[in-house]
Amino acid sequence: MAEFDGKIALVTGGLSGIGRATAQLLAVRGATVVAAGMRPAHGTDAELSGVEQVEVDVTDEAAVARVVADVATRHGGLDVLVAAAGIQRYGTAAETSTDEWNDVLAVNLTGTFHAVKYALPHLRSRGAGSIVIVSSVQAFVTQTAVAAYTTSKGALTALARSIAIDEAKNGVRANAVCPASVDTPMLRASARAFSDGSDEGTRMLVESWGRMHPMGRVGRPEEVAEAIAFLASDRAGFITGVSLPVDGGLLANAAVVLPE
């Protein structure tokens, strides 16, 4: 498939996990792709093929503005923005420090806002364009002790709706994908922290989390990337303002189970 031939895509959070898988898929399907983000501190990914890589801290507004402008100038515009940068911190509202709270919202929410703010003029100039924000099922349901994270993800789905309504007249679409547990370096780091710290303990906990999903496993980054690529493509030309679960049935599953 070469459905993105001639398209320019910027993926923030594009150096690891879901962002990385998305950057690779868009490139395979013909896009010129710039993956921008921080090198992951937890885990490593295989080298990206055919993808330009740029390090940027999405909390730095001026740095994000420079990256977006540079991409648009060098490549002649911008057609797709995928905002996938995110971090996870654990704690209840009572336990979370103000610094931790600010860190999570600065990356997950404000970092996305920075990318959108500076991408929009370039997308508008095309008379068309697509923004896909990586949110989470935790925009809708919440596990324990993720006060800052779930707040940021709920806000991201609201941001996607807001952009969709404001930018429809300009031909720019905005949607969110909402993954459940996905086997990324960030998930593995969490599993390591909550297990005995060994490779085997980490693997077993990831598998345990997977069994909580109706499909019986965690997702793969490539599966979320497929959903993002669809929403970014012309095939989704009449879709805007949606929050698409990519969750192995998690949100559809009632907690009450009848006895057999």
C-alpha atoms as a PDB file:
ATOM      1  CA  MET A   1       0.000   0.000   0.000  1.00  0.00           C
ATOM      2  CA  ALA A   2       1.252   3.466  -0.874  1.00  0.00           C
ATOM      3  CA  GLU A   3      -1.729   5.473   0.329  1.00  0.00           C
ATOM      4  CA  PHE A   4       0.530   8.108   1.898  1.00  0.00           C
ATOM      5  CA  ASP A   5       2.621   8.808  -1.194  1.00  0.00           C
ATOM      6  CA  GLY A   6       3.437  12.505  -1.271  1.00  0.00           C
ATOM      7  CA  LYS A   7       2.266  13.028   2.317  1.00  0.00           C
ATOM      8  CA  ILE A   8       4.421  14.577   5.030  1.00  0.00           C
ATOM      9  CA  ALA A   9       3.913  13.223   8.555  1.00  0.00           C
ATOM     10  CA  LEU A  10       5.272  14.301  11.921  1.00  0.00           C
ATOM     11  CA  VAL A  11       5.028  11.843  14.818  1.00  0.00           C
ATOM     12  CA  THR A  12       5.788  13.171  18.286  1.00  0.00           C
ATOM     13  CA  GLY A  13       6.751  10.467  20.732  1.00  0.00           C
ATOM     14  CA  GLY A  14       7.929   8.750  17.585  1.00  0.00           C
ATOM     15  CA  LEU A  15      11.117   7.174  18.909  1.00  0.00           C
ATOM     16  CA  SER A  16       9.519   4.461  21.023  1.00  0.00           C
ATOM     17  CA  GLY A  17       6.436   2.339  21.495  1.00  0.00           C
ATOM     18  CA  ILE A  18       3.225   3.204  19.659  1.00  0.00           C
ATOM     19  CA  GLY A  19       4.716   6.352  18.142  1.00  0.00           C
ATOM     20  CA  ARG A  20       7.639   4.439  16.728  1.00  0.00           C
ATOM     21  CA  ALA A  21       5.430   1.720  15.253  1.00  0.00           C
ATOM     22  CA  THR A  22       3.255   4.409  13.677  1.00  0.00           C
ATOM     23  CA  ALA A  23       6.193   6.289  12.191  1.00  0.00           C
ATOM     24  CA  GLN A  24       7.478   3.056  10.659  1.00  0.00           C
ATOM     25  CA  LEU A  25       4.082   2.092   9.233  1.00  0.00           C
ATOM     26  CA  LEU A  26       3.458   5.510   7.681  1.00  0.00           C
ATOM     27  CA  ALA A  27       6.888   5.379   6.054  1.00  0.00           C
ATOM     28  CA  VAL A  28       6.243   1.894   4.671  1.00  0.00           C
ATOM     29  CA  ARG A  29       3.009   3.202   3.176  1.00  0.00           C
ATOM     30  CA  GLY A  30       4.733   5.997   1.343  1.00  0.00           C
ATOM     31  CA  ALA A  31       4.840   9.001   3.662  1.00  0.00           C
ATOM     32  CA  THR A  32       7.850  11.171   4.337  1.00  0.00           C
ATOM     33  CA  VAL A  33       8.026  10.774   8.117  1.00  0.00           C
ATOM     34  CA  VAL A  34       9.808  12.685  10.848  1.00  0.00           C
ATOM     35  CA  ALA A  35       9.761  10.949  14.230  1.00  0.00           C
ATOM     36  CA  ALA A  36      10.395  13.440  17.021  1.00  0.00           C
ATOM     37  CA  GLY A  37      10.793  12.672  20.696  1.00  0.00           C
ATOM     38  CA  MET A  38      13.052  11.666  23.538  1.00  0.00           C
ATOM     39  CA  ARG A  39      15.152   8.544  23.402  1.00  0.00           C
ATOM     40  CA  PRO A  40      13.492   5.990  25.708  1.00  0.00           C
ATOM     41  CA  ALA A  41      15.147   5.519  29.072  1.00  0.00           C
ATOM     42  CA  HIS A  42      13.475   2.126  29.455  1.00  0.00           C
ATOM     43  CA  GLY A  43      14.122  -0.441  26.779  1.00  0.00           C
ATOM     44  CA  THR A  44      15.353  -0.035  23.234  1.00  0.00           C
ATOM     45  CA  ASP A  45      13.696  -0.405  19.874  1.00  0.00           C
ATOM     46  CA  ALA A  46      15.153  -1.631  16.605  1.00  0.00           C
ATOM     47  CA  GLU A  47      16.351   1.113  14.319  1.00  0.00           C
ATOM     48  CA  LEU A  48      13.665   2.860  12.309  1.00  0.00           C
ATOM     49  CA  SER A  49      13.928   2.386   8.552  1.00  0.00           C
ATOM     50  CA  GLY A  50      13.330   5.258   6.181  1.00  0.00           C
ATOM     51  CA  VAL A  51      12.269   7.605   8.972  1.00  0.00           C
ATOM     52  CA  GLU A  52      13.994  10.837   9.894  1.00  0.00           C
ATOM     53  CA  GLN A  53      14.595  11.034  13.649  1.00  0.00           C
ATOM     54  CA  VAL A  54      14.788  14.206  15.717  1.00  0.00           C
ATOM     55  CA  GLU A  55      15.174  14.578  19.452  1.00  0.00           C
ATOM     56  CA  VAL A  56      12.792  17.075  21.036  1.00  0.00           C
ATOM     57  CA  ASP A  57      11.247  17.642  24.434  1.00  0.00           C
ATOM     58  CA  VAL A  58       7.556  18.272  23.764  1.00  0.00           C
ATOM     59  CA  THR A  59       7.274  20.313  26.958  1.00  0.00           C
ATOM     60  CA  ASP A  60       9.598  22.897  25.373  1.00  0.00           C
ATOM     61  CA  GLU A  61       7.228  25.031  23.311  1.00  0.00           C
ATOM     62  CA  ALA A  62       9.949  26.838  21.391  1.00  0.00           C
ATOM     63  CA  ALA A  63      11.669  23.565  20.509  1.00  0.00           C
ATOM     64  CA  VAL A  64       8.425  22.049  19.224  1.00  0.00           C
ATOM     65  CA  ALA A  65       7.733  25.170  17.170  1.00  0.00           C
ATOM     66  CA  ARG A  66      11.195  24.900  15.605  1.00  0.00           C
ATOM     67  CA  VAL A  67      10.765  21.216  14.742  1.00  0.00           C
ATOM     68  CA  VAL A  68       7.368  21.744  13.130  1.00  0.00           C
ATOM     69  CA  ALA A  69       8.604  24.740  11.134  1.00  0.00           C
ATOM     70  CA  ASP A  70      11.715  22.861  10.030  1.00  0.00           C
ATOM     71  CA  VAL A  71       9.713  19.845   8.862  1.00  0.00           C
ATOM     72  CA  ALA A  72       7.281  22.006   6.902  1.00  0.00           C
ATOM     73  CA  THR A  73      10.047  24.103   5.363  1.00  0.00           C
ATOM     74  CA  ARG A  74      12.338  21.280   4.323  1.00  0.00           C
ATOM     75  CA  HIS A  75       9.607  18.951   3.070  1.00  0.00           C
ATOM     76  CA  GLY A  76       7.215  21.515   1.639  1.00  0.00           C
ATOM     77  CA  GLY A  77       4.366  21.269   4.107  1.00  0.00           C
ATOM     78  CA  LEU A  78       2.651  18.975   6.576  1.00  0.00           C
ATOM     79  CA  ASP A  79      -0.278  16.615   6.058  1.00  0.00           C
ATOM     80  CA  VAL A  80      -0.394  14.418   9.159  1.00  0.00           C
ATOM     81  CA  LEU A  81       0.370  14.992  12.822  1.00  0.00           C
ATOM     82  CA  VAL A  82       0.412  12.034  15.194  1.00  0.00           C
ATOM     83  CA  ALA A  83       0.775  13.117  18.829  1.00  0.00           C
ATOM     84  CA  ALA A  84       1.990  10.058  20.723  1.00  0.00           C
ATOM     85  CA  ALA A  85       4.351  11.443  23.367  1.00  0.00           C
ATOM     86  CA  GLY A  86       3.432  10.302  26.842  1.00  0.00           C
ATOM     87  CA  ILE A  87       4.693   9.290  30.265  1.00  0.00           C
ATOM     88  CA  GLN A  88       3.174   7.342  33.147  1.00  0.00           C
ATOM     89  CA  ARG A  89       3.393   8.061  36.866  1.00  0.00           C
ATOM     90  CA  TYR A  90       1.570   6.189  39.602  1.00  0.00           C
ATOM     91  CA  GLY A  91      -0.233   7.611  42.609  1.00  0.00           C
ATOM     92  CA  THR A  92      -3.626   8.592  43.931  1.00  0.00           C
ATOM     93  CA  ALA A  93      -4.732  12.224  44.144  1.00  0.00           C
ATOM     94  CA  ALA A  94      -3.657  12.182  47.796  1.00  0.00           C
ATOM     95  CA  GLU A  95      -0.249  10.637  47.084  1.00  0.00           C
ATOM     96  CA  THR A  96       0.768  12.369  43.848  1.00  0.00           C
ATOM     97  CA  SER A  97       3.119  15.275  44.369  1.00  0.00           C
ATOM     98  CA  THR A  98       2.508  18.527  42.556  1.00  0.00           C
ATOM     99  CA  ASP A  99       5.757  18.005  40.658  1.00  0.00           C
ATOM    100  CA  GLU A 100       4.645  14.558  39.471  1.00  0.00           C
ATOM    101  CA  TRP A 101       1.252  15.937  38.484  1.00  0.00           C
ATOM    102  CA  ASN A 102       2.824  18.765  36.529  1.00  0.00           C
ATOM    103  CA  ASP A 103       5.309  16.417  34.829  1.00  0.00           C
ATOM    104  CA  VAL A 104       2.570  14.131  33.504  1.00  0.00           C
ATOM    105  CA  LEU A 105       0.325  16.918  32.278  1.00  0.00           C
ATOM    106  CA  ALA A 106       3.263  18.797  30.777  1.00  0.00           C
ATOM    107  CA  VAL A 107       4.197  15.862  28.539  1.00  0.00           C
ATOM    108  CA  ASN A 108       0.879  14.162  27.868  1.00  0.00           C
ATOM    109  CA  LEU A 109      -1.414  17.166  27.552  1.00  0.00           C
ATOM    110  CA  THR A 110       0.593  20.364  27.102  1.00  0.00           C
ATOM    111  CA  GLY A 111       3.132  18.617  24.857  1.00  0.00           C
ATOM    112  CA  THR A 112       0.301  17.530  22.586  1.00  0.00           C
ATOM    113  CA  PHE A 113      -1.121  21.053  22.619  1.00  0.00           C
ATOM    114  CA  HIS A 114       2.271  22.427  21.547  1.00  0.00           C
ATOM    115  CA  ALA A 115       2.466  20.053  18.582  1.00  0.00           C
ATOM    116  CA  VAL A 116      -1.105  20.771  17.503  1.00  0.00           C
ATOM    117  CA  LYS A 117      -0.762  24.531  17.892  1.00  0.00           C
ATOM    118  CA  TYR A 118       2.230  24.777  15.577  1.00  0.00           C
ATOM    119  CA  ALA A 119       1.109  22.092  13.124  1.00  0.00           C
ATOM    120  CA  LEU A 120      -2.312  23.585  12.469  1.00  0.00           C
ATOM    121  CA  PRO A 121      -1.262  26.503  10.215  1.00  0.00           C
ATOM    122  CA  HIS A 122       0.553  24.055   7.940  1.00  0.00           C
ATOM    123  CA  LEU A 123      -2.338  21.590   7.893  1.00  0.00           C
ATOM    124  CA  ARG A 124      -4.808  24.380   7.140  1.00  0.00           C
ATOM    125  CA  SER A 125      -2.675  25.604   4.262  1.00  0.00           C
ATOM    126  CA  ARG A 126      -3.176  22.225   2.591  1.00  0.00           C
ATOM    127  CA  GLY A 127      -6.953  22.655   2.790  1.00  0.00           C
ATOM    128  CA  ALA A 128      -6.918  19.240   4.413  1.00  0.00           C
ATOM    129  CA  GLY A 129      -4.982  17.383   7.045  1.00  0.00           C
ATOM    130  CA  SER A 130      -5.270  14.889   9.837  1.00  0.00           C
ATOM    131  CA  ILE A 131      -4.361  14.959  13.514  1.00  0.00           C
ATOM    132  CA  VAL A 132      -4.391  11.736  15.513  1.00  0.00           C
ATOM    133  CA  ILE A 133      -3.847  11.949  19.266  1.00  0.00           C
ATOM    134  CA  VAL A 134      -2.843   8.887  21.274  1.00  0.00           C
ATOM    135  CA  SER A 135      -5.080   8.862  24.328  1.00  0.00           C
ATOM    136  CA  SER A 136      -6.021   5.756  26.349  1.00  0.00           C
ATOM    137  CA  VAL A 137      -8.943   3.667  27.549  1.00  0.00           C
ATOM    138  CA  GLN A 138      -8.194   5.460  30.809  1.00  0.00           C
ATOM    139  CA  ALA A 139      -9.930   8.468  29.307  1.00  0.00           C
ATOM    140  CA  PHE A 140     -13.112   6.485  30.064  1.00  0.00           C
ATOM    141  CA  VAL A 141     -12.293   3.949  32.802  1.00  0.00           C
ATOM    142  CA  THR A 142      -9.647   4.189  35.474  1.00  0.00           C
ATOM    143  CA  GLN A 143      -7.463   1.723  37.293  1.00  0.00           C
ATOM    144  CA  THR A 144      -6.227   2.495  40.782  1.00  0.00           C
ATOM    145  CA  ALA A 145      -3.442   4.967  41.513  1.00  0.00           C
ATOM    146  CA  VAL A 146      -3.151   6.770  38.172  1.00  0.00           C
ATOM    147  CA  ALA A 147      -4.684  10.152  39.057  1.00  0.00           C
ATOM    148  CA  ALA A 148      -2.420  12.294  36.885  1.00  0.00           C
ATOM    149  CA  TYR A 149      -2.252   9.879  33.951  1.00  0.00           C
ATOM    150  CA  THR A 150      -5.988   9.261  33.651  1.00  0.00           C
ATOM    151  CA  THR A 151      -6.669  12.994  33.960  1.00  0.00           C
ATOM    152  CA  SER A 152      -4.285  13.728  31.108  1.00  0.00           C
ATOM    153  CA  LYS A 153      -5.854  11.091  28.892  1.00  0.00           C
ATOM    154  CA  GLY A 154      -9.391  12.265  29.542  1.00  0.00           C
ATOM    155  CA  ALA A 155      -8.298  15.761  28.611  1.00  0.00           C
ATOM    156  CA  LEU A 156      -6.724  14.519  25.383  1.00  0.00           C
ATOM    157  CA  THR A 157      -9.990  13.063  24.123  1.00  0.00           C
ATOM    158  CA  ALA A 158     -11.679  16.391  24.884  1.00  0.00           C
ATOM    159  CA  LEU A 159      -8.894  18.210  23.045  1.00  0.00           C
ATOM    160  CA  ALA A 160      -9.373  16.001  19.973  1.00  0.00           C
ATOM    161  CA  ARG A 161     -13.101  16.810  19.937  1.00  0.00           C
ATOM    162  CA  SER A 162     -12.398  20.522  20.290  1.00  0.00           C
ATOM    163  CA  ILE A 163      -9.920  20.546  17.423  1.00  0.00           C
ATOM    164  CA  ALA A 164     -12.320  18.540  15.253  1.00  0.00           C
ATOM    165  CA  ILE A 165     -15.123  21.054  15.714  1.00  0.00           C
ATOM    166  CA  ASP A 166     -12.962  24.147  15.350  1.00  0.00           C
ATOM    167  CA  GLU A 167     -11.028  22.926  12.322  1.00  0.00           C
ATOM    168  CA  ALA A 168     -13.715  21.153  10.284  1.00  0.00           C
ATOM    169  CA  LYS A 169     -14.272  24.318   8.265  1.00  0.00           C
ATOM    170  CA  ASN A 170     -10.574  24.283   7.380  1.00  0.00           C
ATOM    171  CA  GLY A 171     -10.616  20.684   6.166  1.00  0.00           C
ATOM    172  CA  VAL A 172      -8.549  19.443   9.108  1.00  0.00           C
ATOM    173  CA  ARG A 173      -9.750  16.313  10.904  1.00  0.00           C
ATOM    174  CA  ALA A 174      -8.812  15.365  14.477  1.00  0.00           C
ATOM    175  CA  ASN A 175      -9.357  12.035  16.204  1.00  0.00           C
ATOM    176  CA  ALA A 176      -8.020  10.096  19.161  1.00  0.00           C
ATOM    177  CA  VAL A 177      -7.093   6.454  19.559  1.00  0.00           C
ATOM    178  CA  CYS A 178      -7.576   4.921  22.986  1.00  0.00           C
ATOM    179  CA  PRO A 179      -5.422   1.841  23.526  1.00  0.00           C
ATOM    180  CA  ALA A 180      -5.673  -0.516  26.468  1.00  0.00           C
ATOM    181  CA  SER A 181      -2.508  -2.319  27.622  1.00  0.00           C
ATOM    182  CA  VAL A 182       0.030  -2.418  24.797  1.00  0.00           C
ATOM    183  CA  ASP A 183       3.403  -4.160  24.924  1.00  0.00           C
ATOM    184  CA  THR A 184       5.643  -1.098  24.802  1.00  0.00           C
ATOM    185  CA  PRO A 185       8.844  -0.240  26.656  1.00  0.00           C
ATOM    186  CA  MET A 186       6.731   1.946  28.972  1.00  0.00           C
ATOM    187  CA  LEU A 187       4.410  -0.947  29.839  1.00  0.00           C
ATOM    188  CA  ARG A 188       7.396  -3.239  30.414  1.00  0.00           C
ATOM    189  CA  ALA A 189       8.962  -0.648  32.705  1.00  0.00           C
ATOM    190  CA  SER A 190       5.754  -0.525  34.749  1.00  0.00           C
ATOM    191  CA  ALA A 191       5.595  -4.307  34.895  1.00  0.00           C
ATOM    192  CA  ARG A 192       9.190  -4.473  36.041  1.00  0.00           C
ATOM    193  CA  ALA A 193       8.497  -1.937  38.790  1.00  0.00           C
ATOM    194  CA  PHE A 194       5.457  -3.836  40.061  1.00  0.00           C
ATOM    195  CA  SER A 195       7.006  -7.323  39.855  1.00  0.00           C
ATOM    196  CA  ASP A 196      10.195  -8.756  41.317  1.00  0.00           C
ATOM    197  CA  GLY A 197      12.197  -6.869  38.706  1.00  0.00           C
ATOM    198  CA  SER A 198      13.363  -9.945  36.813  1.00  0.00           C
ATOM    199  CA  ASP A 199      12.725 -10.591  33.131  1.00  0.00           C
ATOM    200  CA  GLU A 200      10.551 -13.567  34.023  1.00  0.00           C
ATOM    201  CA  GLY A 201       8.598 -11.642  36.634  1.00  0.00           C
ATOM    202  CA  THR A 202       8.053  -8.813  34.161  1.00  0.00           C
ATOM    203  CA  ARG A 203       6.857 -11.219  31.476  1.00  0.00           C
ATOM    204  CA  MET A 204       4.455 -12.952  33.824  1.00  0.00           C
ATOM    205  CA  LEU A 205       2.910  -9.690  34.994  1.00  0.00           C
ATOM    206  CA  VAL A 206       2.445  -8.450  31.411  1.00  0.00           C
ATOM    207  CA  GLU A 207       0.716 -11.747  30.605  1.00  0.00           C
ATOM    208  CA  SER A 208      -1.447 -11.360  33.692  1.00  0.00           C
ATOM    209  CA  TRP A 209      -2.498  -7.891  32.587  1.00  0.00           C
ATOM    210  CA  GLY A 210      -3.265  -9.342  29.174  1.00  0.00           C
ATOM    211  CA  ARG A 211      -5.644 -11.914  30.643  1.00  0.00           C
ATOM    212  CA  MET A 212      -7.746  -9.057  32.023  1.00  0.00           C
ATOM    213  CA  HIS A 213      -8.682  -8.136  28.438  1.00  0.00           C
ATOM    214  CA  PRO A 214     -11.443 -10.171  26.764  1.00  0.00           C
ATOM    215  CA  MET A 215      -9.048 -11.128  23.967  1.00  0.00           C
ATOM    216  CA  GLY A 216      -6.701 -12.557  26.585  1.00  0.00           C
ATOM    217  CA  ARG A 217      -3.564 -10.620  25.764  1.00  0.00           C
ATOM    218  CA  VAL A 218      -2.041  -7.168  25.631  1.00  0.00           C
ATOM    219  CA  GLY A 219      -1.957  -5.362  22.311  1.00  0.00           C
ATOM    220  CA  ARG A 220       0.990  -4.833  20.014  1.00  0.00           C
ATOM    221  CA  PRO A 221       2.186  -1.355  19.018  1.00  0.00           C
ATOM    222  CA  GLU A 222       1.711  -2.288  15.377  1.00  0.00           C
ATOM    223  CA  GLU A 223      -1.990  -2.935  15.989  1.00  0.00           C
ATOM    224  CA  VAL A 224      -2.498   0.554  17.364  1.00  0.00           C
ATOM    225  CA  ALA A 225      -0.429   1.958  14.501  1.00  0.00           C
ATOM    226  CA  GLU A 226      -2.866   0.403  12.026  1.00  0.00           C
ATOM    227  CA  ALA A 227      -5.766   2.253  13.651  1.00  0.00           C
ATOM    228  CA  ILE A 228      -3.804   5.510  13.628  1.00  0.00           C
ATOM    229  CA  ALA A 229      -2.864   5.069   9.976  1.00  0.00           C
ATOM    230  CA  PHE A 230      -6.510   4.486   9.068  1.00  0.00           C
ATOM    231  CA  LEU A 231      -7.665   7.635  10.859  1.00  0.00           C
ATOM    232  CA  ALA A 232      -4.838   9.617   9.259  1.00  0.00           C
ATOM    233  CA  SER A 233      -5.675   8.389   5.772  1.00  0.00           C
ATOM    234  CA  ASP A 234      -8.138   9.557   3.152  1.00  0.00           C
ATOM    235  CA  ARG A 235     -10.140   6.391   3.841  1.00  0.00           C
ATOM    236  CA  ALA A 236     -11.312   8.123   7.027  1.00  0.00           C
ATOM    237  CA  GLY A 237     -12.144  11.337   5.220  1.00  0.00           C
ATOM    238  CA  PHE A 238     -15.584  11.693   6.868  1.00  0.00           C
ATOM    239  CA  ILE A 239     -14.419  10.742  10.362  1.00  0.00           C
ATOM    240  CA  THR A 240     -13.542  13.466  12.837  1.00  0.00           C
ATOM    241  CA  GLY A 241     -13.962  14.013  16.563  1.00  0.00           C
ATOM    242  CA  VAL A 242     -14.018  10.309  17.463  1.00  0.00           C
ATOM    243  CA  SER A 243     -12.167   8.466  20.210  1.00  0.00           C
ATOM    244  CA  LEU A 244     -11.496   4.979  18.880  1.00  0.00           C
ATOM    245  CA  PRO A 245     -10.807   2.205  21.419  1.00  0.00           C
ATOM    246  CA  VAL A 246      -8.066  -0.220  20.417  1.00  0.00           C
ATOM    247  CA  ASP A 247      -8.464  -2.332  23.499  1.00  0.00           C
ATOM    248  CA  GLY A 248      -9.083  -6.018  22.932  1.00  0.00           C
ATOM    249  CA  GLY A 249     -12.675  -5.566  24.074  1.00  0.00           C
ATOM    250  CA  LEU A 250     -11.783  -4.043  27.448  1.00  0.00           C
ATOM    251  CA  LEU A 251     -14.309  -1.198  27.396  1.00  0.00           C
ATOM    252  CA  ALA A 252     -17.087  -3.503  26.187  1.00  0.00           C
ATOM    253  CA  ASN A 253     -16.608  -5.919  29.083  1.00  0.00           C
ATOM    254  CA  ALA A 254     -18.887  -5.714  32.139  1.00  0.00           C
ATOM    255  CA  ALA A 255     -17.144  -6.530  35.397  1.00  0.00           C
ATOM    256  CA  VAL A 256     -20.030  -8.741  36.578  1.00  0.00           C
ATOM    257  CA  VAL A 257     -19.768 -12.294  35.228  1.00  0.00           C
ATOM    258  CA  LEU A 258     -22.613 -14.782  35.501  1.00  0.00           C
ATOM    259  CA  PRO A 259     -21.814 -18.202  37.010  1.00  0.00           C
ATOM    260  CA  GLU A 260     -21.477 -21.002  34.512  1.00  0.00           C
END
